[in-house]
């Protein structure tokens, strides 16, 4: 069987279709939000929120609750608190993220060890699994994805203003804290729906890599966002196909695809700079 035939054969599996739909949607959203988060130096907030999501899902599995439904409000609250703690206390930036992420991960592991029969499920959340996505979860992810995109488009102009010059945005009367909270909530939702494929430990890469890769070759905001989306989608599907053909973990394969793309974009940017 040729590689082309094997790739076509992927579409005969329902779990692969679900992975493509959910993963492609997450890659699209994460790349858009990633540009803003990287420029605002909030890129590692995704890592912190993914650990909170892991702890929340550990609790949900221990009590036989729906993981995504249970985790969403908890991660949203964590995003709001993380923003407040980081800006209004002596615990700043990366320290606040490290505090919350490590605590959440520890709580999740303790709950997992005290609960019988949840190890396999939690491993899929920690490292990602395309087999773990159920139809009901796919529908929920699509609904959330459409909401995230719609809200981002609606608030695009104020988010753009807050991203580039927060002080000027305040001077013009924009409620900066409101839009930063909106950004945190959108990020939280993206993290939760993306954890099923990428896992807790790798989901933040979808936010960071495409934006950084795009910034290697252009500096214009809209250009960076468009190129970031293209890179994210290409790397996601390349990683997904590679994981299917070579039989390697999906999340890791997608991250490596993004790493290769980042190196390529860096080389292109270097040559363009010299020319």
C-alpha atoms as a PDB file:
ATOM      1  CA  UNK A   1       0.000   0.000   0.000  1.00  0.00           C
ATOM      2  CA  UNK A   2       1.379   3.422  -0.980  1.00  0.00           C
ATOM      3  CA  UNK A   3       1.663   6.347   1.419  1.00  0.00           C
ATOM      4  CA  UNK A   4      -1.084   8.154  -0.510  1.00  0.00           C
ATOM      5  CA  UNK A   5      -3.443   5.199  -0.076  1.00  0.00           C
ATOM      6  CA  UNK A   6      -2.638   5.045   3.629  1.00  0.00           C
ATOM      7  CA  UNK A   7      -3.429   8.731   4.013  1.00  0.00           C
ATOM      8  CA  UNK A   8      -6.735   8.244   2.180  1.00  0.00           C
ATOM      9  CA  UNK A   9      -7.414   5.312   4.506  1.00  0.00           C
ATOM     10  CA  UNK A  10      -7.259   7.684   7.473  1.00  0.00           C
ATOM     11  CA  UNK A  11     -10.633   9.075   6.508  1.00  0.00           C
ATOM     12  CA  UNK A  12     -12.283   5.687   6.985  1.00  0.00           C
ATOM     13  CA  UNK A  13     -11.836   5.946  10.739  1.00  0.00           C
ATOM     14  CA  UNK A  14     -14.367   8.041  12.653  1.00  0.00           C
ATOM     15  CA  UNK A  15     -11.889   8.873  15.411  1.00  0.00           C
ATOM     16  CA  UNK A  16      -9.515  10.371  12.823  1.00  0.00           C
ATOM     17  CA  UNK A  17     -12.309  12.515  11.404  1.00  0.00           C
ATOM     18  CA  UNK A  18     -13.130  13.775  14.891  1.00  0.00           C
ATOM     19  CA  UNK A  19      -9.441  14.462  15.562  1.00  0.00           C
ATOM     20  CA  UNK A  20      -9.111  16.420  12.313  1.00  0.00           C
ATOM     21  CA  UNK A  21     -12.178  18.547  13.039  1.00  0.00           C
ATOM     22  CA  UNK A  22     -11.370  19.307  16.673  1.00  0.00           C
ATOM     23  CA  UNK A  23      -7.617  19.578  16.164  1.00  0.00           C
ATOM     24  CA  UNK A  24      -7.915  21.791  13.095  1.00  0.00           C
ATOM     25  CA  UNK A  25     -10.292  24.087  14.960  1.00  0.00           C
ATOM     26  CA  UNK A  26      -7.983  24.273  17.989  1.00  0.00           C
ATOM     27  CA  UNK A  27      -4.951  24.910  15.764  1.00  0.00           C
ATOM     28  CA  UNK A  28      -6.813  27.762  14.064  1.00  0.00           C
ATOM     29  CA  UNK A  29      -7.941  29.407  17.309  1.00  0.00           C
ATOM     30  CA  UNK A  30      -4.659  28.864  19.162  1.00  0.00           C
ATOM     31  CA  UNK A  31      -2.657  30.469  16.348  1.00  0.00           C
ATOM     32  CA  UNK A  32      -4.883  33.565  16.344  1.00  0.00           C
ATOM     33  CA  UNK A  33      -4.792  34.003  20.108  1.00  0.00           C
ATOM     34  CA  UNK A  34      -1.111  33.073  20.148  1.00  0.00           C
ATOM     35  CA  UNK A  35      -0.101  36.171  18.210  1.00  0.00           C
ATOM     36  CA  UNK A  36      -1.729  38.414  20.811  1.00  0.00           C
ATOM     37  CA  UNK A  37      -0.455  36.397  23.776  1.00  0.00           C
ATOM     38  CA  UNK A  38       3.136  36.338  22.503  1.00  0.00           C
ATOM     39  CA  UNK A  39       3.108  40.087  21.844  1.00  0.00           C
ATOM     40  CA  UNK A  40       1.639  40.702  25.315  1.00  0.00           C
ATOM     41  CA  UNK A  41       4.198  38.323  26.869  1.00  0.00           C
ATOM     42  CA  UNK A  42       1.365  36.126  28.129  1.00  0.00           C
ATOM     43  CA  UNK A  43       2.387  33.108  26.044  1.00  0.00           C
ATOM     44  CA  UNK A  44       3.079  30.845  29.037  1.00  0.00           C
ATOM     45  CA  UNK A  45      -0.398  31.432  30.440  1.00  0.00           C
ATOM     46  CA  UNK A  46      -1.465  28.503  28.275  1.00  0.00           C
ATOM     47  CA  UNK A  47       0.911  26.208  30.115  1.00  0.00           C
ATOM     48  CA  UNK A  48      -0.452  27.290  33.478  1.00  0.00           C
ATOM     49  CA  UNK A  49      -4.084  26.914  32.424  1.00  0.00           C
ATOM     50  CA  UNK A  50      -3.472  23.476  30.915  1.00  0.00           C
ATOM     51  CA  UNK A  51      -2.208  22.266  34.295  1.00  0.00           C
ATOM     52  CA  UNK A  52      -5.304  23.705  35.942  1.00  0.00           C
ATOM     53  CA  UNK A  53      -7.359  21.833  33.358  1.00  0.00           C
ATOM     54  CA  UNK A  54      -5.554  18.613  34.240  1.00  0.00           C
ATOM     55  CA  UNK A  55      -6.394  19.049  37.923  1.00  0.00           C
ATOM     56  CA  UNK A  56     -10.034  19.832  37.101  1.00  0.00           C
ATOM     57  CA  UNK A  57     -10.361  16.811  34.829  1.00  0.00           C
ATOM     58  CA  UNK A  58      -8.811  14.576  37.488  1.00  0.00           C
ATOM     59  CA  UNK A  59     -11.524  15.687  39.889  1.00  0.00           C
ATOM     60  CA  UNK A  60     -14.249  15.184  37.269  1.00  0.00           C
ATOM     61  CA  UNK A  61     -13.099  11.640  36.507  1.00  0.00           C
ATOM     62  CA  UNK A  62     -12.946  10.809  40.215  1.00  0.00           C
ATOM     63  CA  UNK A  63     -16.606  11.837  40.573  1.00  0.00           C
ATOM     64  CA  UNK A  64     -17.691  10.423  37.187  1.00  0.00           C
ATOM     65  CA  UNK A  65     -18.533  13.845  35.759  1.00  0.00           C
ATOM     66  CA  UNK A  66     -18.121  14.967  32.131  1.00  0.00           C
ATOM     67  CA  UNK A  67     -14.468  16.154  31.991  1.00  0.00           C
ATOM     68  CA  UNK A  68     -14.836  19.046  29.539  1.00  0.00           C
ATOM     69  CA  UNK A  69     -18.045  20.416  31.037  1.00  0.00           C
ATOM     70  CA  UNK A  70     -16.555  20.258  34.533  1.00  0.00           C
ATOM     71  CA  UNK A  71     -13.185  21.750  33.585  1.00  0.00           C
ATOM     72  CA  UNK A  72     -14.352  24.731  31.516  1.00  0.00           C
ATOM     73  CA  UNK A  73     -15.676  26.945  34.371  1.00  0.00           C
ATOM     74  CA  UNK A  74     -12.733  26.055  36.625  1.00  0.00           C
ATOM     75  CA  UNK A  75     -10.143  26.977  33.978  1.00  0.00           C
ATOM     76  CA  UNK A  76     -11.996  30.217  33.174  1.00  0.00           C
ATOM     77  CA  UNK A  77     -11.921  31.205  36.864  1.00  0.00           C
ATOM     78  CA  UNK A  78      -8.226  30.266  36.978  1.00  0.00           C
ATOM     79  CA  UNK A  79      -7.538  32.478  33.950  1.00  0.00           C
ATOM     80  CA  UNK A  80      -9.224  35.419  35.662  1.00  0.00           C
ATOM     81  CA  UNK A  81      -7.378  34.809  38.947  1.00  0.00           C
ATOM     82  CA  UNK A  82      -4.058  34.330  37.175  1.00  0.00           C
ATOM     83  CA  UNK A  83      -4.431  37.687  35.486  1.00  0.00           C
ATOM     84  CA  UNK A  84      -5.377  39.393  38.753  1.00  0.00           C
ATOM     85  CA  UNK A  85      -2.656  37.723  40.829  1.00  0.00           C
ATOM     86  CA  UNK A  86      -0.020  38.513  38.226  1.00  0.00           C
ATOM     87  CA  UNK A  87      -0.899  42.225  37.987  1.00  0.00           C
ATOM     88  CA  UNK A  88      -2.153  43.177  41.448  1.00  0.00           C
ATOM     89  CA  UNK A  89       0.144  41.363  43.847  1.00  0.00           C
ATOM     90  CA  UNK A  90       3.796  40.834  44.590  1.00  0.00           C
ATOM     91  CA  UNK A  91       3.671  37.534  42.696  1.00  0.00           C
ATOM     92  CA  UNK A  92       4.337  38.502  39.085  1.00  0.00           C
ATOM     93  CA  UNK A  93       4.221  36.893  35.647  1.00  0.00           C
ATOM     94  CA  UNK A  94       6.045  33.588  35.370  1.00  0.00           C
ATOM     95  CA  UNK A  95       6.109  33.136  39.166  1.00  0.00           C
ATOM     96  CA  UNK A  96       2.296  33.278  39.334  1.00  0.00           C
ATOM     97  CA  UNK A  97       1.997  30.839  36.422  1.00  0.00           C
ATOM     98  CA  UNK A  98       4.484  28.454  38.020  1.00  0.00           C
ATOM     99  CA  UNK A  99       2.663  28.621  41.343  1.00  0.00           C
ATOM    100  CA  UNK A 100      -0.745  27.841  39.886  1.00  0.00           C
ATOM    101  CA  UNK A 101       0.400  25.257  37.324  1.00  0.00           C
ATOM    102  CA  UNK A 102       2.539  23.180  39.698  1.00  0.00           C
ATOM    103  CA  UNK A 103      -0.147  23.244  42.411  1.00  0.00           C
ATOM    104  CA  UNK A 104      -2.872  22.168  39.985  1.00  0.00           C
ATOM    105  CA  UNK A 105      -0.749  19.371  38.558  1.00  0.00           C
ATOM    106  CA  UNK A 106       0.088  18.108  42.044  1.00  0.00           C
ATOM    107  CA  UNK A 107      -3.579  18.139  43.076  1.00  0.00           C
ATOM    108  CA  UNK A 108      -4.513  16.228  39.930  1.00  0.00           C
ATOM    109  CA  UNK A 109      -1.864  13.574  40.547  1.00  0.00           C
ATOM    110  CA  UNK A 110      -2.939  13.129  44.200  1.00  0.00           C
ATOM    111  CA  UNK A 111      -6.597  12.764  43.237  1.00  0.00           C
ATOM    112  CA  UNK A 112      -5.594  10.307  40.528  1.00  0.00           C
ATOM    113  CA  UNK A 113      -3.610   8.195  42.993  1.00  0.00           C
ATOM    114  CA  UNK A 114      -6.493   8.146  45.480  1.00  0.00           C
ATOM    115  CA  UNK A 115      -9.059   7.167  42.821  1.00  0.00           C
ATOM    116  CA  UNK A 116      -9.090   3.705  41.299  1.00  0.00           C
ATOM    117  CA  UNK A 117      -9.466   3.087  37.588  1.00  0.00           C
ATOM    118  CA  UNK A 118      -8.747   6.600  36.274  1.00  0.00           C
ATOM    119  CA  UNK A 119      -5.083   6.251  35.304  1.00  0.00           C
ATOM    120  CA  UNK A 120      -5.657   5.514  31.617  1.00  0.00           C
ATOM    121  CA  UNK A 121      -8.025   8.452  31.161  1.00  0.00           C
ATOM    122  CA  UNK A 122      -5.707  10.869  32.907  1.00  0.00           C
ATOM    123  CA  UNK A 123      -2.754   9.759  30.809  1.00  0.00           C
ATOM    124  CA  UNK A 124      -4.727  10.676  27.704  1.00  0.00           C
ATOM    125  CA  UNK A 125      -5.291  14.146  29.144  1.00  0.00           C
ATOM    126  CA  UNK A 126      -1.649  14.566  30.105  1.00  0.00           C
ATOM    127  CA  UNK A 127      -0.136  13.431  26.804  1.00  0.00           C
ATOM    128  CA  UNK A 128      -3.080  13.703  24.419  1.00  0.00           C
ATOM    129  CA  UNK A 129      -4.934  11.023  22.501  1.00  0.00           C
ATOM    130  CA  UNK A 130      -6.860  11.195  19.242  1.00  0.00           C
ATOM    131  CA  UNK A 131      -8.749   8.074  20.368  1.00  0.00           C
ATOM    132  CA  UNK A 132     -10.170   9.912  23.382  1.00  0.00           C
ATOM    133  CA  UNK A 133     -12.405  12.348  21.491  1.00  0.00           C
ATOM    134  CA  UNK A 134     -16.054  11.305  21.584  1.00  0.00           C
ATOM    135  CA  UNK A 135     -18.806  12.598  19.334  1.00  0.00           C
ATOM    136  CA  UNK A 136     -20.463  14.619  22.116  1.00  0.00           C
ATOM    137  CA  UNK A 137     -17.111  16.242  22.939  1.00  0.00           C
ATOM    138  CA  UNK A 138     -16.541  17.044  19.274  1.00  0.00           C
ATOM    139  CA  UNK A 139     -19.901  18.849  19.099  1.00  0.00           C
ATOM    140  CA  UNK A 140     -19.109  20.790  22.279  1.00  0.00           C
ATOM    141  CA  UNK A 141     -15.681  21.733  20.905  1.00  0.00           C
ATOM    142  CA  UNK A 142     -17.195  22.962  17.626  1.00  0.00           C
ATOM    143  CA  UNK A 143     -19.720  25.123  19.490  1.00  0.00           C
ATOM    144  CA  UNK A 144     -17.026  26.583  21.746  1.00  0.00           C
ATOM    145  CA  UNK A 145     -14.721  27.107  18.776  1.00  0.00           C
ATOM    146  CA  UNK A 146     -17.330  29.085  16.866  1.00  0.00           C
ATOM    147  CA  UNK A 147     -18.014  31.190  19.982  1.00  0.00           C
ATOM    148  CA  UNK A 148     -14.291  31.893  20.486  1.00  0.00           C
ATOM    149  CA  UNK A 149     -13.792  32.973  16.870  1.00  0.00           C
ATOM    150  CA  UNK A 150     -16.947  35.099  16.936  1.00  0.00           C
ATOM    151  CA  UNK A 151     -15.992  36.875  20.174  1.00  0.00           C
ATOM    152  CA  UNK A 152     -12.437  37.501  18.949  1.00  0.00           C
ATOM    153  CA  UNK A 153     -13.664  39.009  15.677  1.00  0.00           C
ATOM    154  CA  UNK A 154     -16.209  41.171  17.523  1.00  0.00           C
ATOM    155  CA  UNK A 155     -13.573  42.508  19.938  1.00  0.00           C
ATOM    156  CA  UNK A 156     -10.735  42.574  17.403  1.00  0.00           C
ATOM    157  CA  UNK A 157     -10.154  46.344  17.387  1.00  0.00           C
ATOM    158  CA  UNK A 158      -9.987  46.845  21.181  1.00  0.00           C
ATOM    159  CA  UNK A 159      -7.869  43.703  21.589  1.00  0.00           C
ATOM    160  CA  UNK A 160      -5.522  45.047  18.908  1.00  0.00           C
ATOM    161  CA  UNK A 161      -5.286  48.373  20.752  1.00  0.00           C
ATOM    162  CA  UNK A 162      -4.641  46.721  24.120  1.00  0.00           C
ATOM    163  CA  UNK A 163      -2.008  44.452  22.586  1.00  0.00           C
ATOM    164  CA  UNK A 164       0.174  47.210  21.165  1.00  0.00           C
ATOM    165  CA  UNK A 165      -0.241  50.124  23.556  1.00  0.00           C
ATOM    166  CA  UNK A 166      -2.103  49.458  26.773  1.00  0.00           C
ATOM    167  CA  UNK A 167      -1.507  52.941  28.187  1.00  0.00           C
ATOM    168  CA  UNK A 168      -2.794  54.646  25.043  1.00  0.00           C
ATOM    169  CA  UNK A 169      -5.825  52.347  25.053  1.00  0.00           C
ATOM    170  CA  UNK A 170      -6.583  53.425  28.633  1.00  0.00           C
ATOM    171  CA  UNK A 171      -6.180  57.076  27.657  1.00  0.00           C
ATOM    172  CA  UNK A 172      -8.748  56.669  24.868  1.00  0.00           C
ATOM    173  CA  UNK A 173     -11.288  55.310  27.345  1.00  0.00           C
ATOM    174  CA  UNK A 174     -11.045  51.606  26.564  1.00  0.00           C
ATOM    175  CA  UNK A 175     -11.767  49.296  29.486  1.00  0.00           C
ATOM    176  CA  UNK A 176      -8.433  47.512  29.234  1.00  0.00           C
ATOM    177  CA  UNK A 177      -9.073  45.117  32.111  1.00  0.00           C
ATOM    178  CA  UNK A 178     -12.300  43.928  30.502  1.00  0.00           C
ATOM    179  CA  UNK A 179     -10.633  43.083  27.210  1.00  0.00           C
ATOM    180  CA  UNK A 180      -7.700  41.407  28.922  1.00  0.00           C
ATOM    181  CA  UNK A 181     -10.185  39.283  30.839  1.00  0.00           C
ATOM    182  CA  UNK A 182     -11.958  38.426  27.573  1.00  0.00           C
ATOM    183  CA  UNK A 183      -8.599  37.348  26.139  1.00  0.00           C
ATOM    184  CA  UNK A 184      -7.904  35.186  29.188  1.00  0.00           C
ATOM    185  CA  UNK A 185     -11.316  33.507  28.950  1.00  0.00           C
ATOM    186  CA  UNK A 186     -10.856  32.779  25.235  1.00  0.00           C
ATOM    187  CA  UNK A 187      -7.436  31.304  25.986  1.00  0.00           C
ATOM    188  CA  UNK A 188      -8.892  29.169  28.773  1.00  0.00           C
ATOM    189  CA  UNK A 189     -11.568  27.729  26.479  1.00  0.00           C
ATOM    190  CA  UNK A 190      -8.991  27.012  23.771  1.00  0.00           C
ATOM    191  CA  UNK A 191      -6.740  25.217  26.238  1.00  0.00           C
ATOM    192  CA  UNK A 192      -9.562  23.017  27.532  1.00  0.00           C
ATOM    193  CA  UNK A 193     -10.781  21.865  24.123  1.00  0.00           C
ATOM    194  CA  UNK A 194      -7.221  21.362  22.867  1.00  0.00           C
ATOM    195  CA  UNK A 195      -6.063  19.201  25.760  1.00  0.00           C
ATOM    196  CA  UNK A 196      -7.818  16.129  24.364  1.00  0.00           C
ATOM    197  CA  UNK A 197      -5.477  15.986  21.371  1.00  0.00           C
ATOM    198  CA  UNK A 198      -2.308  17.696  22.575  1.00  0.00           C
ATOM    199  CA  UNK A 199      -2.406  16.884  26.271  1.00  0.00           C
ATOM    200  CA  UNK A 200      -1.588  19.040  29.278  1.00  0.00           C
ATOM    201  CA  UNK A 201       2.142  19.054  28.650  1.00  0.00           C
ATOM    202  CA  UNK A 202       2.067  20.058  24.979  1.00  0.00           C
ATOM    203  CA  UNK A 203      -1.001  22.236  24.358  1.00  0.00           C
ATOM    204  CA  UNK A 204       0.852  25.523  24.970  1.00  0.00           C
ATOM    205  CA  UNK A 205       3.049  24.759  21.941  1.00  0.00           C
ATOM    206  CA  UNK A 206       0.072  25.409  19.633  1.00  0.00           C
ATOM    207  CA  UNK A 207      -0.105  28.926  21.042  1.00  0.00           C
ATOM    208  CA  UNK A 208       3.597  29.754  20.981  1.00  0.00           C
ATOM    209  CA  UNK A 209       5.174  28.094  17.917  1.00  0.00           C
ATOM    210  CA  UNK A 210       3.011  29.366  15.007  1.00  0.00           C
ATOM    211  CA  UNK A 211       3.173  32.983  16.200  1.00  0.00           C
ATOM    212  CA  UNK A 212       6.939  32.892  16.679  1.00  0.00           C
ATOM    213  CA  UNK A 213       7.418  31.201  13.296  1.00  0.00           C
ATOM    214  CA  UNK A 214       5.331  33.855  11.539  1.00  0.00           C
ATOM    215  CA  UNK A 215       7.257  36.628  13.272  1.00  0.00           C
ATOM    216  CA  UNK A 216      10.506  35.318  11.774  1.00  0.00           C
ATOM    217  CA  UNK A 217       9.466  36.479   8.294  1.00  0.00           C
ATOM    218  CA  UNK A 218       7.114  39.443   8.844  1.00  0.00           C
ATOM    219  CA  UNK A 219       6.394  42.129  11.420  1.00  0.00           C
ATOM    220  CA  UNK A 220       2.957  43.374  10.329  1.00  0.00           C
ATOM    221  CA  UNK A 221       0.205  42.315  12.733  1.00  0.00           C
ATOM    222  CA  UNK A 222      -2.334  41.084  10.177  1.00  0.00           C
ATOM    223  CA  UNK A 223       0.361  39.346   8.132  1.00  0.00           C
ATOM    224  CA  UNK A 224       1.690  37.635  11.242  1.00  0.00           C
ATOM    225  CA  UNK A 225      -1.803  36.461  12.148  1.00  0.00           C
ATOM    226  CA  UNK A 226      -2.581  35.105   8.667  1.00  0.00           C
ATOM    227  CA  UNK A 227       0.772  33.335   8.323  1.00  0.00           C
ATOM    228  CA  UNK A 228       0.456  32.016  11.877  1.00  0.00           C
ATOM    229  CA  UNK A 229      -2.905  30.428  11.030  1.00  0.00           C
ATOM    230  CA  UNK A 230      -1.515  28.830   7.858  1.00  0.00           C
ATOM    231  CA  UNK A 231       1.556  27.490   9.685  1.00  0.00           C
ATOM    232  CA  UNK A 232      -0.541  26.145  12.545  1.00  0.00           C
ATOM    233  CA  UNK A 233      -2.949  24.271  10.263  1.00  0.00           C
ATOM    234  CA  UNK A 234      -0.168  22.886   8.044  1.00  0.00           C
ATOM    235  CA  UNK A 235       1.836  21.689  11.056  1.00  0.00           C
ATOM    236  CA  UNK A 236      -1.215  20.174  12.719  1.00  0.00           C
ATOM    237  CA  UNK A 237      -2.256  18.101   9.725  1.00  0.00           C
ATOM    238  CA  UNK A 238       1.368  17.182   8.920  1.00  0.00           C
ATOM    239  CA  UNK A 239       1.863  16.038  12.506  1.00  0.00           C
ATOM    240  CA  UNK A 240      -1.425  14.135  12.529  1.00  0.00           C
ATOM    241  CA  UNK A 241      -0.610  12.323   9.292  1.00  0.00           C
ATOM    242  CA  UNK A 242       2.927  11.539  10.471  1.00  0.00           C
ATOM    243  CA  UNK A 243       1.628  10.126  13.753  1.00  0.00           C
ATOM    244  CA  UNK A 244      -0.781   7.888  11.842  1.00  0.00           C
ATOM    245  CA  UNK A 245       1.806   6.635   9.340  1.00  0.00           C
ATOM    246  CA  UNK A 246       4.735   6.177  11.736  1.00  0.00           C
ATOM    247  CA  UNK A 247       2.584   5.254  14.759  1.00  0.00           C
ATOM    248  CA  UNK A 248       3.990   7.862  17.123  1.00  0.00           C
ATOM    249  CA  UNK A 249       2.167  10.055  19.713  1.00  0.00           C
ATOM    250  CA  UNK A 250       0.030  12.662  17.972  1.00  0.00           C
ATOM    251  CA  UNK A 251       0.781  15.584  20.272  1.00  0.00           C
ATOM    252  CA  UNK A 252       4.528  15.052  20.080  1.00  0.00           C
ATOM    253  CA  UNK A 253       4.384  14.698  16.300  1.00  0.00           C
ATOM    254  CA  UNK A 254       2.536  18.018  15.959  1.00  0.00           C
ATOM    255  CA  UNK A 255       5.031  19.796  18.220  1.00  0.00           C
ATOM    256  CA  UNK A 256       7.982  18.467  16.206  1.00  0.00           C
ATOM    257  CA  UNK A 257       6.274  19.631  13.006  1.00  0.00           C
ATOM    258  CA  UNK A 258       5.997  23.095  14.527  1.00  0.00           C
ATOM    259  CA  UNK A 259       9.635  22.972  15.613  1.00  0.00           C
ATOM    260  CA  UNK A 260      10.774  22.111  12.079  1.00  0.00           C
ATOM    261  CA  UNK A 261       8.627  24.922  10.680  1.00  0.00           C
ATOM    262  CA  UNK A 262      10.103  27.378  13.195  1.00  0.00           C
ATOM    263  CA  UNK A 263      13.631  26.431  12.123  1.00  0.00           C
ATOM    264  CA  UNK A 264      12.706  26.808   8.438  1.00  0.00           C
ATOM    265  CA  UNK A 265      11.069  30.194   9.027  1.00  0.00           C
ATOM    266  CA  UNK A 266      14.075  31.346  11.049  1.00  0.00           C
ATOM    267  CA  UNK A 267      16.424  30.438   8.200  1.00  0.00           C
ATOM    268  CA  UNK A 268      14.199  32.223   5.668  1.00  0.00           C
ATOM    269  CA  UNK A 269      14.033  35.281   7.907  1.00  0.00           C
ATOM    270  CA  UNK A 270      17.815  35.264   8.289  1.00  0.00           C
ATOM    271  CA  UNK A 271      18.385  35.216   4.535  1.00  0.00           C
ATOM    272  CA  UNK A 272      15.759  37.915   3.960  1.00  0.00           C
ATOM    273  CA  UNK A 273      17.461  40.076   6.549  1.00  0.00           C
ATOM    274  CA  UNK A 274      20.830  39.721   4.810  1.00  0.00           C
ATOM    275  CA  UNK A 275      19.342  40.493   1.402  1.00  0.00           C
END
